[in-house]
Each structure stands twice: as C-alpha cells, then as structure tokens.
Amino acid sequence: MDTGSGEERGGGIAWGTPAARWTLAATVLGSGMAFLDSTVVNVALPVIQDDLGTGVAGLQWIANGYMVTLSALILLGGSLADRFGRVRMFSLGVAWFALASALCTVAPTLELLVAGRVLQGVGGALLTPGSLAVLQAGFRKEDRAQAVGAWSGLTGVAAAVGPFLGGWLVDIGSWRLIFLINLPLAAAVLLIARRHLPESRDAGAPARMDYAGALLAVVALAGITYALIEAGAGAVPPVAVAVSGAVGAAALAAFAAVEARSASPMLPLGVFRSARFTAANLVTVLMYGALGPLLFLLVLYLQEAAGYTALEAGAASLPITVLMLLLSGRSGRLAERIGPRAQMTAGPLLVGVGMLLLSRLTPEAGYVTGVLPGVLVVGLGLSAAVAPLTATALSSAPERHAGVASGVNNTVARAAQLIGVAAVPAAAGVSGAAGIEGGFAAAMLIVAAVSVGGGVLAFVLLRERAQRVEPHKGLFCGVSGPPMEPREPATETGEGGPSGRGEG
C-alpha cells in the first residue's frame, strides 16, 4: 500500500506530508462515525418511539444495545489490533459498523433496530481502539503529539456537530437518515485505508486472545441490563427479571475468575492492586453513571414534555461539549501542578449541582432560564474532572500497564453509562406510570446524588498528590468516556510496547 512521501527517519510518517493528511483523515472520519452515532441517536429517540410504537424501555434498549457490546469488547478489540494488524482491524471495524448501520436504516421493527445497534457496538469495539493506534503507530515519534492533538480536536468537533446534524436530519426527513450517513463516511475511510495507511502490529502480542472473557463480559452486561430495564417496564414476569439478573451476576463472577487465571487476560486484575487506580475508577463509575441517564433523559424531556424540535433538543446540551473542548486541556495542566484531588472533588459536585438545577425544569420554562444554567454547570464540572481523572488512572497503574489502564478507565465509563441508563428511569418511574414528564425531576435528583457521591469519594480516597504525568496533548471531549492515552506503539520488528487502545 502507498504510504506517500511521509516516511522519513525512524520509519514513521512526518507531519505536514500527504501521508500525514491521509492518515489523519481516515482516523478522524472513522472515529467521527462513532462520535456522531453516540450523539445523534439520542436526539432521534422520541421520533423512533412514535414511529415504531415503543415505550421508554424500548428506547433504553436502542441506546444500550450499542453500549453492551462496545463496553464488553473494546479491550479485546485493542488486543486483536495489536495481534492481527491495526489497520486491518480498524478497517474491519469500519466495514462492520457500516453494515450494521445499514441494518438500522431499514429496520422495520424495534427488535431489528436493537439487533443493528448491538452489531454496531461490535464494529465500534474494533474501530474505536484502532483509530488512535493507527495514528500512534504510523507517525514518527516527534510528530505523534501533534497528530494526536489534531485528531482530538477534530473528533471533538464531530461530537459538537452531532446533535445539530442529527436534529436537522430528523426534522427534515426521517430518523433513518442518522444511520444512513455512516455509509458514505465508511466508504471514504475504507478507500483511504486501503491505499494510504501503513500496517503495524505488535510482534510480542500473545498468540491466544481472551475470547472467553469477552463472551462472559457480554453476557454479564446484557443480563444485568435486561433485568434493570424490564424491572422498570413491568412487561415481563418477575421470574424472568430475576433469572436475567442472576445470569448476569454469575457471568460477572465467572469473568473475574477467568481474568484472574488467564495467561493473557483482557483485563489484568493486578492493576486494581493500586488503591489510587481503584479509587479513580470508582469515581469514574459514579460520575459517568450519572451523566449517561442525564444525556438520555434530557432530550426525551425537551421533546416530549417541553415541545422542542429534534434540532433544538440536540443543541440544548451543546454547551457541555464546547466547555470541555475549551477548558479540559487547561484543567489537565492545573491538576499536574496541584494534584487531582481538588478538581476530582469539585468536578462531580458541580455536575451534581447542575443536575439539581435541571430537576426544577418545567415544560413552560424557557431555554435560557430553565435549561442553560444547569447545562453550563454540568459542563464546568466535567471540564474540571475528566482530565485529572484520566491522568490519575494512568499514573496510578504500573508503567507496563499504562495502555491497559487507559482502556479500563474508558471501558468503566461506558459500562457505568450503560447501567445508569438502564437503572435510573426505572428507579424514577420514567419507565412506568409517571412517564418522562412525571419522572424527570426524580431522575435528576437520583443522578445528582450519584455524582455528588463521586466527589465525596474522591475527597476521601485521594489524599496524596498523584505521580507527575505528562498532560494530555490537544483538545478532547470526554462526554462518552474519558480520553485515552496511547503508549509507544510496537511494530512488526517488536520494538516498543503495546499501543494504547481507544479514543478520546
């Protein structure tokens, strides 16, 4: 394949060359599909509800079907990329994601749409870790920081554009268009990858992959999610809910046992021997477990109770993304100077305050006085907390596990959002008789308490200053998961360590 004229000393691609532009274009477009999908689907949920005749439980499955497989398989996807080739697995993920999007586009029933979303998650688990790994492995060392910074900024723009694009497509045409837009993007990525991206892999990657762990993770998340969603919906017998929950819990215990005994585990449990690493991930669980339901329920409330159009509802949360793009880099540099405890305490507390403000929303409230204050405070809280949280998780794990640590933190965030979206609507009555208008305030109070709990936990557990870490390069948006820090890539010659897995 053609690598352009960018391969210079050190065997990597030089910044500013045609090869650099092609590589950046492919990875940004590929990651952009996942970013767009995570934002545009929520905007379209009320219209999908009307078209397919489903309730809140069905909408939860549309959101969570994608997250179940993505959360469970993303670490395995990174290992597969190291073992079989980063460009190969990135391209496979893009193609898979496109085919699953096509199924979503034509799905005539809720069941087929959820099946398409589950398959999208599989593609995302291959695509997501591959995009940044391709950048890291392709560029020469002195240009990697600039490449990752450009990638972060451009994919952050995709996250910001998503609600506008999704809302506009829904308003002018159909919710099916939000999945159709992935097809031309995927075609462009595959064409560029085939012609311009140099392949790389880790010659020291284990020959055996942790397929058993990945399967158990899927069963665990699916079983627990099914039990939480259906318990609130009341559409299935209680015994089915109990059995599903028991199967999920048993699979989770089996997953832990497999990972503890595996010679090449997907999730090395040894990283949790660090109390600081464990604390950072517990804070991640609480903060993102609150954020997921907020983003899910806010667009439903604004459209169904307050009468917003899809475009207006999608744009309502845009200040969160903008604030994170503008402030998160500064927050990371501040935490490097003073330590992460203050920001990891204040950030979740601010997020909780923002949710308390949103709990006072009424259908008659205007955007500037009703929605914007809460959204701004949530954005400030996330801007304060996400970068220090990620840096703490990275610096608290042994150097040899830095790539795994970033992957674990990102996976934990996604799984927490998944469980939050499944559990909170049921707990607040949104899935039952109260509906979105009656249960929204209670849901916001629940997620506010959860987020505040994350701040309290950070204050109690993070007593010492974190080890000094290199601040994150460039811009990022951590709404769908903390940004991930890659390690030095290994190539066919076996030089270097395993690459990082995942996207910001």
Protein backbone atom coordinates (compact mmCIF):
# COMPACT_ATOMS: atom_id res chain seq x y z
CA MET A 1 0.00 0.00 0.00
CA ASP A 2 1.04 3.56 -0.60
CA THR A 3 2.36 5.41 2.43
CA GLY A 4 3.07 8.56 0.47
CA SER A 5 6.21 10.59 0.79
CA GLY A 6 5.87 10.94 4.54
CA GLU A 7 8.05 8.08 5.70
CA GLU A 8 11.27 9.62 6.93
CA ARG A 9 13.87 8.89 9.57
CA GLY A 10 12.67 6.41 12.16
CA GLY A 11 10.34 4.74 9.63
CA GLY A 12 7.36 6.92 10.52
CA ILE A 13 5.16 9.47 8.81
CA ALA A 14 6.25 13.11 9.06
CA TRP A 15 3.76 15.82 9.94
CA GLY A 16 2.68 18.01 7.03
CA THR A 17 3.16 15.39 4.32
CA PRO A 18 0.44 13.87 2.11
CA ALA A 19 0.74 10.61 4.05
CA ALA A 20 0.08 12.50 7.29
CA ARG A 21 -3.03 14.14 5.87
CA TRP A 22 -4.39 10.82 4.57
CA THR A 23 -3.76 9.08 7.89
CA LEU A 24 -5.40 11.86 9.88
CA ALA A 25 -8.38 11.95 7.51
CA ALA A 26 -9.01 8.21 7.81
CA THR A 27 -8.72 8.09 11.59
CA VAL A 28 -10.82 11.22 12.16
CA LEU A 29 -13.58 10.06 9.80
CA GLY A 30 -13.57 6.60 11.35
CA SER A 31 -13.72 7.91 14.91
CA GLY A 32 -16.20 10.54 13.80
CA MET A 33 -18.70 7.82 12.91
CA ALA A 34 -18.65 6.54 16.48
CA PHE A 35 -18.84 10.08 17.91
CA LEU A 36 -21.72 11.02 15.65
CA ASP A 37 -23.57 7.82 16.42
CA SER A 38 -23.31 8.37 20.17
CA THR A 39 -24.86 11.84 19.90
CA VAL A 40 -27.33 11.70 17.02
CA VAL A 41 -29.19 8.60 18.21
CA ASN A 42 -30.32 10.18 21.50
CA VAL A 43 -31.73 13.13 19.57
CA ALA A 44 -33.82 10.83 17.38
CA LEU A 45 -35.25 8.65 20.18
CA PRO A 46 -38.64 10.40 20.57
CA VAL A 47 -39.30 10.18 16.82
CA ILE A 48 -38.25 6.50 16.80
CA GLN A 49 -40.62 5.94 19.72
CA ASP A 50 -43.55 7.30 17.74
CA ASP A 51 -42.62 5.51 14.52
CA LEU A 52 -42.04 2.05 15.99
CA GLY A 53 -44.63 2.33 18.76
CA THR A 54 -42.33 1.56 21.66
CA GLY A 55 -42.08 2.80 25.21
CA VAL A 56 -39.19 4.09 27.30
CA ALA A 57 -37.89 0.53 27.79
CA GLY A 58 -37.55 0.14 24.03
CA LEU A 59 -35.64 3.41 23.83
CA GLN A 60 -33.34 2.20 26.61
CA TRP A 61 -32.54 -0.87 24.53
CA ILE A 62 -31.81 1.26 21.46
CA ALA A 63 -29.27 3.23 23.48
CA ASN A 64 -27.90 0.31 25.48
CA GLY A 65 -27.79 -2.35 22.76
CA TYR A 66 -24.83 -0.47 21.30
CA MET A 67 -23.18 0.10 24.66
CA VAL A 68 -23.38 -3.55 25.80
CA THR A 69 -21.15 -4.91 23.06
CA LEU A 70 -18.96 -1.82 22.83
CA SER A 71 -18.23 -1.82 26.57
CA ALA A 72 -17.64 -5.58 26.74
CA LEU A 73 -15.47 -5.95 23.64
CA ILE A 74 -13.41 -2.75 23.40
CA LEU A 75 -10.44 -4.16 25.34
CA LEU A 76 -10.49 -7.30 23.22
CA GLY A 77 -10.62 -5.08 20.11
CA GLY A 78 -7.38 -3.41 21.16
CA SER A 79 -5.70 -6.80 21.67
CA LEU A 80 -6.89 -8.02 18.28
CA ALA A 81 -5.48 -4.90 16.62
CA ASP A 82 -2.08 -5.48 18.23
CA ARG A 83 -2.10 -9.15 17.25
CA PHE A 84 -3.51 -9.11 13.71
CA GLY A 85 -2.74 -5.58 12.50
CA ARG A 86 -4.09 -2.19 13.49
CA VAL A 87 -5.13 -1.03 10.04
CA ARG A 88 -6.71 -4.42 9.32
CA MET A 89 -8.86 -4.39 12.47
CA PHE A 90 -9.64 -0.67 12.09
CA SER A 91 -10.88 -1.33 8.54
CA LEU A 92 -12.85 -4.38 9.64
CA GLY A 93 -14.49 -2.32 12.37
CA VAL A 94 -15.41 0.44 9.91
CA ALA A 95 -16.92 -2.05 7.44
CA TRP A 96 -18.80 -3.89 10.20
CA PHE A 97 -20.10 -0.61 11.61
CA ALA A 98 -21.34 0.42 8.16
CA LEU A 99 -23.18 -2.85 7.56
CA ALA A 100 -24.79 -2.66 10.99
CA SER A 101 -25.80 0.95 10.26
CA ALA A 102 -27.44 -0.22 7.04
CA LEU A 103 -29.48 -2.73 9.07
CA CYS A 104 -30.54 0.06 11.44
CA THR A 105 -31.53 2.22 8.47
CA VAL A 106 -34.01 -0.34 7.08
CA ALA A 107 -35.12 -1.93 10.38
CA PRO A 108 -38.93 -2.22 10.31
CA THR A 109 -39.29 -3.23 13.97
CA LEU A 110 -37.80 -2.38 17.33
CA GLU A 111 -36.23 -5.82 17.62
CA LEU A 112 -34.30 -5.48 14.36
CA LEU A 113 -33.22 -1.96 15.23
CA VAL A 114 -31.84 -3.15 18.58
CA ALA A 115 -30.09 -6.03 16.78
CA GLY A 116 -28.48 -3.50 14.45
CA ARG A 117 -27.37 -1.42 17.42
CA VAL A 118 -25.82 -4.48 19.08
CA LEU A 119 -23.89 -5.19 15.88
CA GLN A 120 -22.83 -1.54 15.68
CA GLY A 121 -21.28 -1.98 19.11
CA VAL A 122 -19.19 -4.89 17.84
CA GLY A 123 -17.94 -2.75 14.97
CA GLY A 124 -17.26 0.13 17.34
CA ALA A 125 -15.20 -2.14 19.59
CA LEU A 126 -12.92 -2.90 16.63
CA LEU A 127 -12.96 0.60 15.19
CA THR A 128 -12.55 2.67 18.36
CA PRO A 129 -9.20 1.33 19.63
CA GLY A 130 -7.85 1.09 16.10
CA SER A 131 -8.17 4.75 15.13
CA LEU A 132 -5.76 6.15 17.70
CA ALA A 133 -3.47 3.11 17.48
CA VAL A 134 -3.06 3.65 13.73
CA LEU A 135 -2.03 7.25 14.40
CA GLN A 136 0.44 6.29 17.09
CA ALA A 137 2.00 3.50 15.06
CA GLY A 138 2.09 5.46 11.81
CA PHE A 139 3.64 8.80 12.79
CA ARG A 140 7.26 9.21 13.75
CA LYS A 141 7.82 9.83 17.44
CA GLU A 142 8.48 13.55 17.28
CA ASP A 143 5.22 14.18 15.39
CA ARG A 144 2.86 11.95 17.36
CA ALA A 145 1.79 14.55 19.91
CA GLN A 146 0.81 16.98 17.17
CA ALA A 147 -1.07 14.27 15.30
CA VAL A 148 -2.97 13.14 18.41
CA GLY A 149 -3.81 16.77 19.27
CA ALA A 150 -5.22 17.36 15.78
CA TRP A 151 -7.15 14.09 15.97
CA SER A 152 -8.61 15.02 19.38
CA GLY A 153 -9.70 18.46 18.25
CA LEU A 154 -11.29 17.26 15.03
CA THR A 155 -13.14 14.36 16.65
CA GLY A 156 -14.30 16.79 19.34
CA VAL A 157 -15.80 18.91 16.58
CA ALA A 158 -17.64 15.80 15.36
CA ALA A 159 -19.13 15.38 18.83
CA ALA A 160 -20.26 19.02 18.78
CA VAL A 161 -21.74 18.77 15.28
CA GLY A 162 -23.61 15.54 16.05
CA PRO A 163 -26.66 16.98 17.82
CA PHE A 164 -27.14 19.64 15.13
CA LEU A 165 -26.77 17.13 12.31
CA GLY A 166 -28.98 14.53 13.98
CA GLY A 167 -31.69 17.01 14.84
CA TRP A 168 -31.62 18.51 11.35
CA LEU A 169 -31.87 15.09 9.65
CA VAL A 170 -34.76 14.08 11.87
CA ASP A 171 -36.61 17.35 11.31
CA ILE A 172 -36.21 17.43 7.51
CA GLY A 173 -36.60 13.75 6.74
CA SER A 174 -36.51 10.64 8.89
CA TRP A 175 -34.69 9.16 11.86
CA ARG A 176 -33.35 6.54 9.44
CA LEU A 177 -31.07 9.15 7.88
CA ILE A 178 -28.97 9.32 11.07
CA PHE A 179 -27.74 5.79 10.37
CA LEU A 180 -27.54 6.24 6.61
CA ILE A 181 -24.88 8.98 6.92
CA ASN A 182 -22.42 6.35 8.20
CA LEU A 183 -22.30 4.57 4.85
CA PRO A 184 -20.52 7.24 2.74
CA LEU A 185 -18.20 8.01 5.66
CA ALA A 186 -17.26 4.34 5.92
CA ALA A 187 -16.68 4.05 2.17
CA ALA A 188 -14.28 7.01 2.25
CA VAL A 189 -12.37 5.58 5.24
CA LEU A 190 -12.00 2.15 3.65
CA LEU A 191 -10.74 3.63 0.40
CA ILE A 192 -8.14 5.76 2.18
CA ALA A 193 -7.08 2.89 4.43
CA ARG A 194 -6.57 0.54 1.52
CA ARG A 195 -4.43 2.99 -0.44
CA HIS A 196 -2.59 5.06 2.13
CA LEU A 197 -2.35 3.57 5.65
CA PRO A 198 0.79 1.61 6.61
CA GLU A 199 0.10 -1.55 8.59
CA SER A 200 1.62 -2.21 12.02
CA ARG A 201 1.28 -4.83 14.72
CA ASP A 202 2.88 -5.93 17.98
CA ALA A 203 5.24 -8.81 17.35
CA GLY A 204 5.15 -9.62 21.06
CA ALA A 205 1.35 -9.79 21.34
CA PRO A 206 0.05 -13.03 22.88
CA ALA A 207 -0.98 -15.71 20.41
CA ARG A 208 -4.12 -16.56 22.40
CA MET A 209 -6.88 -13.98 22.75
CA ASP A 210 -9.18 -13.78 25.75
CA TYR A 211 -12.35 -14.76 23.88
CA ALA A 212 -13.86 -16.44 26.96
CA GLY A 213 -13.50 -13.25 28.98
CA ALA A 214 -15.06 -11.18 26.20
CA LEU A 215 -18.05 -13.53 25.91
CA LEU A 216 -18.62 -13.53 29.67
CA ALA A 217 -18.44 -9.73 29.73
CA VAL A 218 -21.16 -9.51 27.06
CA VAL A 219 -23.39 -11.98 28.94
CA ALA A 220 -22.84 -10.15 32.24
CA LEU A 221 -23.67 -6.70 30.89
CA ALA A 222 -26.61 -7.95 28.82
CA GLY A 223 -28.12 -9.92 31.70
CA ILE A 224 -27.82 -7.11 34.22
CA THR A 225 -29.09 -4.54 31.71
CA TYR A 226 -32.11 -6.68 30.78
CA ALA A 227 -33.01 -7.15 34.44
CA LEU A 228 -32.79 -3.42 35.22
CA ILE A 229 -34.75 -2.26 32.16
CA GLU A 230 -37.51 -4.85 32.33
CA ALA A 231 -37.93 -4.49 36.09
CA GLY A 232 -38.99 -0.89 35.50
CA ALA A 233 -41.09 -1.59 32.41
CA GLY A 234 -43.12 -4.39 34.03
CA ALA A 235 -43.69 -6.07 30.67
CA VAL A 236 -42.16 -9.45 31.56
CA PRO A 237 -42.79 -11.77 34.54
CA PRO A 238 -40.74 -11.05 37.67
CA VAL A 239 -39.18 -14.50 37.46
CA ALA A 240 -37.67 -13.62 34.05
CA VAL A 241 -36.18 -10.46 35.55
CA ALA A 242 -34.73 -12.42 38.46
CA VAL A 243 -33.25 -15.11 36.20
CA SER A 244 -31.70 -12.49 33.91
CA GLY A 245 -30.15 -10.68 36.85
CA ALA A 246 -28.82 -13.94 38.29
CA VAL A 247 -27.30 -14.97 34.94
CA GLY A 248 -25.65 -11.56 34.61
CA ALA A 249 -24.24 -11.70 38.12
CA ALA A 250 -22.97 -15.26 37.62
CA ALA A 251 -21.33 -14.28 34.33
CA LEU A 252 -19.66 -11.32 36.03
CA ALA A 253 -18.24 -13.59 38.74
CA ALA A 254 -17.08 -16.06 36.10
CA PHE A 255 -15.45 -13.22 34.17
CA ALA A 256 -13.44 -12.21 37.23
CA ALA A 257 -12.36 -15.84 37.74
CA VAL A 258 -11.30 -16.25 34.11
CA GLU A 259 -9.34 -12.99 34.12
CA ALA A 260 -7.56 -13.97 37.35
CA ARG A 261 -6.41 -17.31 35.89
CA SER A 262 -5.77 -16.38 32.24
CA ALA A 263 -2.19 -16.18 30.99
CA SER A 264 -3.15 -13.27 28.72
CA PRO A 265 -6.26 -11.67 30.25
CA MET A 266 -8.28 -8.99 28.53
CA LEU A 267 -8.39 -7.22 31.90
CA PRO A 268 -5.34 -7.86 34.13
CA LEU A 269 -6.85 -7.67 37.61
CA GLY A 270 -3.46 -6.80 39.04
CA VAL A 271 -3.93 -3.16 38.03
CA PHE A 272 -6.55 -2.86 40.78
CA ARG A 273 -3.94 -3.59 43.45
CA SER A 274 -3.28 0.15 43.30
CA ALA A 275 -5.73 1.76 45.71
CA ARG A 276 -5.39 5.04 43.80
CA PHE A 277 -6.23 3.39 40.46
CA THR A 278 -9.24 1.69 42.03
CA ALA A 279 -10.39 4.99 43.56
CA ALA A 280 -10.12 6.79 40.22
CA ASN A 281 -12.27 4.15 38.57
CA LEU A 282 -14.85 4.23 41.36
CA VAL A 283 -15.18 7.99 40.84
CA THR A 284 -15.50 7.30 37.10
CA VAL A 285 -18.34 4.85 37.74
CA LEU A 286 -20.32 7.34 39.80
CA MET A 287 -19.77 10.41 37.62
CA TYR A 288 -20.42 8.70 34.28
CA GLY A 289 -23.17 6.56 35.77
CA ALA A 290 -24.95 9.86 36.46
CA LEU A 291 -24.02 11.50 33.14
CA GLY A 292 -25.44 8.72 30.93
CA PRO A 293 -29.02 9.00 32.24
CA LEU A 294 -28.85 12.79 32.12
CA LEU A 295 -28.00 12.87 28.41
CA PHE A 296 -30.54 10.12 27.67
CA LEU A 297 -33.45 11.69 29.56
CA LEU A 298 -32.86 15.37 28.82
CA VAL A 299 -33.51 15.08 25.07
CA LEU A 300 -36.61 12.97 25.76
CA TYR A 301 -37.98 15.53 28.21
CA LEU A 302 -37.27 18.51 25.99
CA GLN A 303 -39.04 16.93 23.01
CA GLU A 304 -41.90 15.08 24.68
CA ALA A 305 -42.72 17.42 27.58
CA ALA A 306 -41.39 20.83 26.51
CA GLY A 307 -42.22 20.61 22.80
CA TYR A 308 -38.71 21.16 21.44
CA THR A 309 -37.90 20.07 17.90
CA ALA A 310 -35.24 17.40 17.46
CA LEU A 311 -32.73 20.07 16.38
CA GLU A 312 -33.49 22.26 19.39
CA ALA A 313 -33.24 19.35 21.81
CA GLY A 314 -29.97 18.21 20.28
CA ALA A 315 -28.47 21.68 20.53
CA ALA A 316 -29.57 22.11 24.14
CA SER A 317 -26.61 20.18 25.55
CA LEU A 318 -24.06 21.67 23.17
CA PRO A 319 -22.57 23.98 25.87
CA ILE A 320 -21.27 20.86 27.66
CA THR A 321 -19.20 19.84 24.65
CA VAL A 322 -17.99 23.39 23.97
CA LEU A 323 -16.87 23.93 27.56
CA MET A 324 -14.99 20.63 27.59
CA LEU A 325 -13.24 21.43 24.33
CA LEU A 326 -12.20 24.85 25.65
CA LEU A 327 -11.34 24.06 29.27
CA SER A 328 -10.32 20.41 29.69
CA GLY A 329 -6.76 20.94 28.49
CA ARG A 330 -6.27 23.76 30.99
CA SER A 331 -7.79 21.60 33.70
CA GLY A 332 -5.29 18.83 32.98
CA ARG A 333 -2.36 21.25 33.23
CA LEU A 334 -3.68 22.66 36.52
CA ALA A 335 -4.04 19.18 38.01
CA GLU A 336 -0.48 18.40 37.04
CA ARG A 337 0.67 21.35 39.20
CA ILE A 338 -1.59 20.98 42.24
CA GLY A 339 -2.65 17.33 42.15
CA PRO A 340 -6.02 15.92 41.10
CA ARG A 341 -7.89 15.80 44.42
CA ALA A 342 -9.40 19.30 44.33
CA GLN A 343 -10.70 19.03 40.76
CA MET A 344 -11.87 15.44 41.09
CA THR A 345 -13.82 16.52 44.16
CA ALA A 346 -15.22 19.78 42.80
CA GLY A 347 -15.98 18.41 39.32
CA PRO A 348 -18.55 15.74 40.30
CA LEU A 349 -20.02 18.12 42.88
CA LEU A 350 -20.58 20.74 40.17
CA VAL A 351 -22.10 18.11 37.89
CA GLY A 352 -24.48 17.22 40.71
CA VAL A 353 -25.42 20.88 41.23
CA GLY A 354 -26.15 21.21 37.52
CA MET A 355 -28.44 18.17 37.72
CA LEU A 356 -30.22 19.70 40.72
CA LEU A 357 -30.87 22.82 38.65
CA LEU A 358 -32.24 20.69 35.83
CA SER A 359 -34.55 18.87 38.26
CA ARG A 360 -36.52 22.14 38.52
CA LEU A 361 -37.33 22.18 34.80
CA THR A 362 -40.95 22.64 33.81
CA PRO A 363 -42.42 22.27 30.32
CA GLU A 364 -43.09 26.01 30.24
CA ALA A 365 -39.55 27.09 31.18
CA GLY A 366 -37.52 28.84 28.52
CA TYR A 367 -34.13 27.53 27.45
CA VAL A 368 -32.06 30.45 28.78
CA THR A 369 -33.62 30.46 32.24
CA GLY A 370 -34.57 26.79 32.55
CA VAL A 371 -32.11 24.57 30.70
CA LEU A 372 -28.95 26.61 30.13
CA PRO A 373 -27.91 27.22 33.78
CA GLY A 374 -27.91 23.51 34.62
CA VAL A 375 -26.19 22.53 31.38
CA LEU A 376 -23.45 25.13 31.92
CA VAL A 377 -22.75 23.93 35.47
CA VAL A 378 -22.62 20.29 34.30
CA GLY A 379 -20.17 21.30 31.56
CA LEU A 380 -17.95 23.16 34.02
CA GLY A 381 -17.94 20.16 36.34
CA LEU A 382 -16.96 17.74 33.59
CA SER A 383 -14.29 20.15 32.35
CA ALA A 384 -12.78 20.23 35.83
CA ALA A 385 -12.85 16.50 36.48
CA VAL A 386 -12.30 14.46 33.30
CA ALA A 387 -8.67 15.26 32.53
CA PRO A 388 -7.41 14.87 36.14
CA LEU A 389 -9.43 11.68 36.49
CA THR A 390 -7.82 10.15 33.40
CA ALA A 391 -4.34 11.28 34.41
CA THR A 392 -4.79 9.78 37.87
CA ALA A 393 -5.91 6.44 36.47
CA LEU A 394 -2.87 6.38 34.18
CA SER A 395 -0.29 7.47 36.73
CA SER A 396 -1.57 5.05 39.37
CA ALA A 397 -1.02 1.89 37.31
CA PRO A 398 2.40 0.34 36.65
CA GLU A 399 4.08 1.71 33.50
CA ARG A 400 3.81 -1.65 31.75
CA HIS A 401 0.03 -1.47 32.18
CA ALA A 402 -0.44 2.16 31.07
CA GLY A 403 -2.26 1.18 27.89
CA VAL A 404 -4.46 -1.28 29.75
CA ALA A 405 -5.17 1.29 32.47
CA SER A 406 -6.47 3.84 29.98
CA GLY A 407 -8.57 1.18 28.30
CA VAL A 408 -10.02 0.04 31.62
CA ASN A 409 -10.93 3.58 32.63
CA ASN A 410 -12.68 4.21 29.32
CA THR A 411 -14.49 0.87 29.48
CA VAL A 412 -15.60 1.51 33.06
CA ALA A 413 -17.05 4.87 32.00
CA ARG A 414 -19.04 3.32 29.15
CA ALA A 415 -20.29 0.45 31.31
CA ALA A 416 -21.36 2.92 34.01
CA GLN A 417 -23.34 4.94 31.47
CA LEU A 418 -24.94 1.71 30.26
CA ILE A 419 -26.03 0.65 33.76
CA GLY A 420 -27.18 4.19 34.59
CA VAL A 421 -29.42 4.40 31.52
CA ALA A 422 -30.88 1.00 32.43
CA ALA A 423 -31.41 1.65 36.14
CA VAL A 424 -32.34 5.32 36.68
CA PRO A 425 -35.51 5.51 34.51
CA ALA A 426 -36.91 2.52 36.38
CA ALA A 427 -35.97 3.93 39.78
CA ALA A 428 -37.52 7.32 38.97
CA GLY A 429 -40.71 5.93 37.44
CA VAL A 430 -39.92 7.19 33.94
CA SER A 431 -40.36 3.65 32.57
CA GLY A 432 -43.69 3.25 34.35
CA ALA A 433 -46.83 5.25 35.01
CA ALA A 434 -45.06 8.52 35.78
CA GLY A 435 -43.61 8.80 32.29
CA ILE A 436 -40.91 11.24 31.26
CA GLU A 437 -42.76 14.35 32.48
CA GLY A 438 -43.63 12.92 35.87
CA GLY A 439 -40.36 11.11 36.49
CA PHE A 440 -37.78 13.54 35.13
CA ALA A 441 -37.34 15.55 38.34
CA ALA A 442 -36.89 12.39 40.42
CA ALA A 443 -34.39 11.06 37.91
CA MET A 444 -32.34 14.25 38.11
CA LEU A 445 -32.31 14.07 41.92
CA ILE A 446 -31.06 10.47 41.75
CA VAL A 447 -28.25 11.21 39.30
CA ALA A 448 -27.31 14.36 41.25
CA ALA A 449 -26.88 12.26 44.39
CA VAL A 450 -24.78 9.71 42.49
CA SER A 451 -22.49 12.37 41.03
CA VAL A 452 -22.08 14.10 44.40
CA GLY A 453 -21.15 10.71 45.80
CA GLY A 454 -18.31 10.59 43.28
CA GLY A 455 -16.97 13.92 44.52
CA VAL A 456 -17.16 12.82 48.16
CA LEU A 457 -15.38 9.58 47.28
CA ALA A 458 -12.57 11.49 45.55
CA PHE A 459 -12.15 13.75 48.57
CA VAL A 460 -11.94 10.81 50.96
CA LEU A 461 -9.76 8.44 48.93
CA LEU A 462 -7.36 10.73 47.04
CA ARG A 463 -5.28 12.08 49.90
CA GLU A 464 -1.85 12.21 48.27
CA ARG A 465 -0.70 14.10 45.25
CA ALA A 466 -0.63 11.97 42.11
CA GLN A 467 2.61 11.00 40.46
CA ARG A 468 3.56 13.62 37.88
CA VAL A 469 2.24 12.68 34.45
CA GLU A 470 2.53 14.23 31.03
CA PRO A 471 -0.55 16.41 30.42
CA HIS A 472 -2.92 15.35 27.67
CA LYS A 473 -1.98 16.73 24.28
CA GLY A 474 -4.58 18.73 22.41
CA LEU A 475 -8.33 19.04 22.83
CA PHE A 476 -10.73 16.31 23.76
CA CYS A 477 -14.32 15.72 24.69
CA GLY A 478 -14.95 13.10 27.34
CA VAL A 479 -18.75 13.03 27.30
CA SER A 480 -18.93 9.43 26.07
CA GLY A 481 -15.91 8.28 28.05
CA PRO A 482 -12.64 9.65 29.37
CA PRO A 483 -9.95 10.41 26.78
CA MET A 484 -7.42 7.63 26.37
CA GLU A 485 -3.65 7.98 26.41
CA PRO A 486 -1.76 5.72 23.99
CA ARG A 487 1.59 4.10 24.71
CA GLU A 488 4.51 3.84 22.36
CA PRO A 489 3.44 1.55 19.52
CA ALA A 490 5.11 -1.71 18.69
CA THR A 491 5.74 -2.66 15.08
CA GLU A 492 6.46 -5.84 13.18
CA THR A 493 10.02 -5.68 14.49
CA GLY A 494 8.75 -5.96 18.05
CA GLU A 495 10.13 -2.60 19.18
CA GLY A 496 8.26 -0.67 21.82
CA GLY A 497 5.36 -1.71 23.98
CA PRO A 498 1.71 -2.30 23.29
CA SER A 499 -0.18 0.60 21.84
CA GLY A 500 -2.98 2.40 23.56
CA ARG A 501 -6.48 1.33 22.92
CA GLY A 502 -9.41 3.55 22.31
CA GLU A 503 -10.38 7.07 21.52
CA GLY A 504 -10.89 10.20 23.44
